[in-house]
């Protein structure tokens, strides 16, 4: 570390203090510390009518996978992609597996 004269050190501290003060003043004018407006009281979103999709517990357009051995209770399906993207077995699903083609697991009916 360079040895400085005490007067130079005091001048540097003043310059630093002035720069910090100027930064704070400028940030107030540029909106950095502007308050965030509060959310207005909007009504809750309306429920989405799923029509025939409501019969599915999993309905995907990108595929269905599982972790090790899964238990899925209800109907699952993929659309518009092929059934090759369904990576679960009939033994894991209590319900029906639907796909848009014959690829993937065969359609099976759970008990």
Protein backbone atom coordinates (compact mmCIF):
# COMPACT_ATOMS: atom_id res chain seq x y z
CA UNK A 1 0.00 0.00 0.00
CA UNK A 2 1.31 3.43 -0.87
CA UNK A 3 1.90 5.87 1.93
CA UNK A 4 -0.16 9.02 1.45
CA UNK A 5 -0.12 12.36 3.15
CA UNK A 6 -2.89 12.73 5.80
CA UNK A 7 -4.30 15.76 3.95
CA UNK A 8 -4.58 13.76 0.68
CA UNK A 9 -6.31 10.96 2.54
CA UNK A 10 -8.89 13.35 3.98
CA UNK A 11 -9.49 14.85 0.52
CA UNK A 12 -10.06 11.39 -0.93
CA UNK A 13 -12.57 10.57 1.84
CA UNK A 14 -14.47 13.81 1.08
CA UNK A 15 -14.48 13.09 -2.66
CA UNK A 16 -15.75 9.58 -2.00
CA UNK A 17 -18.49 10.87 0.31
CA UNK A 18 -19.57 13.42 -2.31
CA UNK A 19 -19.67 10.75 -5.03
CA UNK A 20 -21.81 8.48 -2.86
CA UNK A 21 -24.19 11.33 -2.03
CA UNK A 22 -24.46 12.30 -5.71
CA UNK A 23 -25.16 8.67 -6.65
CA UNK A 24 -27.99 8.46 -4.12
CA UNK A 25 -29.52 11.75 -5.29
CA UNK A 26 -29.31 10.70 -8.95
CA UNK A 27 -30.85 7.31 -8.21
CA UNK A 28 -33.89 9.02 -6.63
CA UNK A 29 -34.44 11.04 -9.81
CA UNK A 30 -33.98 8.06 -12.13
CA UNK A 31 -36.52 5.90 -10.29
CA UNK A 32 -34.18 3.32 -8.80
CA UNK A 33 -35.79 3.76 -5.40
CA UNK A 34 -39.27 4.51 -6.75
CA UNK A 35 -42.02 2.73 -4.82
CA UNK A 36 -43.57 -0.30 -6.48
CA UNK A 37 -47.28 0.31 -7.15
CA UNK A 38 -49.61 -1.89 -5.16
CA UNK A 39 -51.70 -4.43 -6.98
CA UNK A 40 -55.27 -3.36 -7.39
CA UNK A 41 -58.07 -5.60 -6.22
CA UNK A 42 -58.68 -7.68 -9.33
CA UNK A 43 -61.18 -10.49 -9.35
CA UNK A 44 -59.86 -14.04 -9.41
CA UNK A 45 -59.44 -15.51 -12.87
CA UNK A 46 -62.39 -17.44 -14.19
CA UNK A 47 -62.08 -21.23 -14.19
CA UNK A 48 -61.10 -22.80 -17.50
CA UNK A 49 -63.71 -25.09 -19.05
CA UNK A 50 -61.72 -28.20 -19.95
CA UNK A 51 -64.62 -29.87 -21.81
CA UNK A 52 -63.59 -33.45 -22.64
CA UNK A 53 -60.05 -32.92 -21.33
CA UNK A 54 -61.43 -32.98 -17.79
CA UNK A 55 -61.51 -36.79 -18.00
CA UNK A 56 -57.68 -36.89 -17.93
CA UNK A 57 -55.33 -36.71 -14.96
CA UNK A 58 -52.39 -36.23 -17.38
CA UNK A 59 -52.84 -34.84 -20.89
CA UNK A 60 -49.63 -33.79 -22.60
CA UNK A 61 -48.46 -32.47 -25.93
CA UNK A 62 -44.81 -33.19 -25.15
CA UNK A 63 -44.71 -36.64 -23.54
CA UNK A 64 -45.29 -38.51 -20.28
CA UNK A 65 -42.49 -40.05 -18.25
CA UNK A 66 -42.22 -41.51 -14.77
CA UNK A 67 -39.69 -42.01 -12.02
CA UNK A 68 -38.90 -45.66 -11.46
CA UNK A 69 -42.29 -47.26 -10.74
CA UNK A 70 -45.18 -44.80 -10.57
CA UNK A 71 -48.83 -45.07 -9.66
CA UNK A 72 -51.16 -42.96 -11.80
CA UNK A 73 -54.87 -43.07 -11.01
CA UNK A 74 -56.96 -41.88 -13.95
CA UNK A 75 -56.77 -41.55 -17.72
CA UNK A 76 -53.60 -40.29 -19.42
CA UNK A 77 -52.90 -39.33 -23.02
CA UNK A 78 -50.78 -37.41 -25.50
CA UNK A 79 -51.87 -35.29 -28.42
CA UNK A 80 -50.91 -34.24 -31.10
CA UNK A 81 -47.61 -36.11 -30.67
CA UNK A 82 -47.35 -39.87 -31.09
CA UNK A 83 -47.80 -42.44 -28.38
CA UNK A 84 -44.05 -43.13 -28.56
CA UNK A 85 -43.70 -40.22 -26.11
CA UNK A 86 -45.63 -42.13 -23.43
CA UNK A 87 -43.06 -43.80 -21.19
CA UNK A 88 -45.30 -45.48 -18.61
CA UNK A 89 -46.74 -48.98 -18.62
CA UNK A 90 -50.27 -50.28 -18.18
CA UNK A 91 -49.26 -51.66 -14.78
CA UNK A 92 -48.56 -48.11 -13.58
CA UNK A 93 -51.89 -46.64 -14.72
CA UNK A 94 -55.27 -47.25 -13.16
CA UNK A 95 -57.25 -45.85 -16.06
CA UNK A 96 -56.85 -45.74 -19.84
CA UNK A 97 -53.76 -44.76 -21.82
CA UNK A 98 -54.74 -42.83 -24.96
CA UNK A 99 -52.50 -41.92 -27.90
CA UNK A 100 -53.10 -40.50 -31.36
CA UNK A 101 -51.46 -43.50 -33.05
CA UNK A 102 -50.39 -47.07 -32.36
CA UNK A 103 -46.87 -46.10 -31.22
CA UNK A 104 -45.97 -46.39 -27.54
CA UNK A 105 -47.77 -48.63 -25.05
CA UNK A 106 -50.82 -50.42 -26.32
CA UNK A 107 -54.06 -48.83 -25.16
CA UNK A 108 -55.01 -50.63 -21.98
CA UNK A 109 -57.99 -50.41 -19.68
CA UNK A 110 -57.26 -50.30 -15.96
CA UNK A 111 -59.41 -52.11 -13.43
